[in-house]
Amino acid sequence: MSLTRTSSAQREQRTRGLREWAIFAAFIGPNILLILAFIYYPLASNVYYSLLDWRLGSNSADFIGFGNYVTLFTSPTGLDMWRVTLIFTVSTVVISMALGLALALVLNKQIPGRTVARTAVFSPYVLSGVGVGMVWNFIFDPQLGLLSHVFAFFGRNSPEWYLDPDLALLMVIVVYVWKNLGYCAVVYLAGLQSLPKDLLEAAAIDHAGPLRRFVSISLPLLGPTTFFLVITTILSSMQAFDILRIMTPNGNGTNTIVFELFLQGFGVYQRAGYSAAISVVLFAALFVITAVQMRYVERKVHYS
């Protein structure tokens, strides 16, 4: 009789386990199918397309293996794309975070109108990149733009921002920093307001000046905030597109990796296979950057 009860309990346990797995599969199954259909299948298809010499809209394509990747890493156009991407990403990330931290330190003070100032600083971040690009196009216009009048006031002619590749890159960096500065400032402000007040007060009692308190206490404790911003701003800058497309429709010195992907695949070139290779490399680069940051940089972050 005891054996019968034991076998019955085992069957009941297996039945309960199967029922729980069935409920789990019923809930998680649709999500897995959607992920496979809309993420991994397009990713696998894109890898296959990157191995083809295929023009967008063409009914035929030639298999060329890693030819598109070789072109991407050896051609003058491909090498220039990496140079522009590196300059644009490093400049926008470093400047946005540095100015954002400085703004956050100011906005963290008990000053009149700081709520309005915080709103004004953050507002550009939520604006449409297309609208921002159009407004700044008017500002940088060499003939009618606001900057042209500023240069004229000092007896100088406005530079040809759109014709000089270096100036065009500088122009979009300025605009992109302006748009995303508020994001870094607000995130740093949240980090500053979460710092333990007792440590700062103890340092002040020990006659540590504001600079010493910031360097020795505030900055290390802002490690998690800085770490978060480094990841998000790098990923955002490497995927920048809307402002670049509006202000420099055909590139001319602003061909970052995402912009070059668009120009090659959907612009004048219609090189769908080459564009797919760029997107695969972009995915791999973002994955590696995130993995390295999570694996090594996070070790040096001090969490309170």
Foldseek 3Di string as FASTA:
>chain_A
DVVVVVVVVVVVVVVVVVVVVVVVCVVCVVVVVCCCVPPVVVLVVLVQLLQWFDFPPDPDIHGNGCVLVCCLPPPPVNVLQVVLLVVLLVLLLVVLLVLLLVLLVVLLDPDPPSVVVLCVQQVLQPDDLQVLLVLVLQQLPQPRHVVQVVQVVVPHGRDPQQQALVSVSVSLSVSSSSSCSSVSNVLSNVQQVPFDPVVVVVCVVVVQDPVRCCVPPVVLQCLVSSLVSSLVSSLCSLQDDNSCCNNHVQRSNNNHLNNVLCCCCPNPNSRSNSSSVSVSVSVVVSVVVVVCSVPPVVVSRDYD
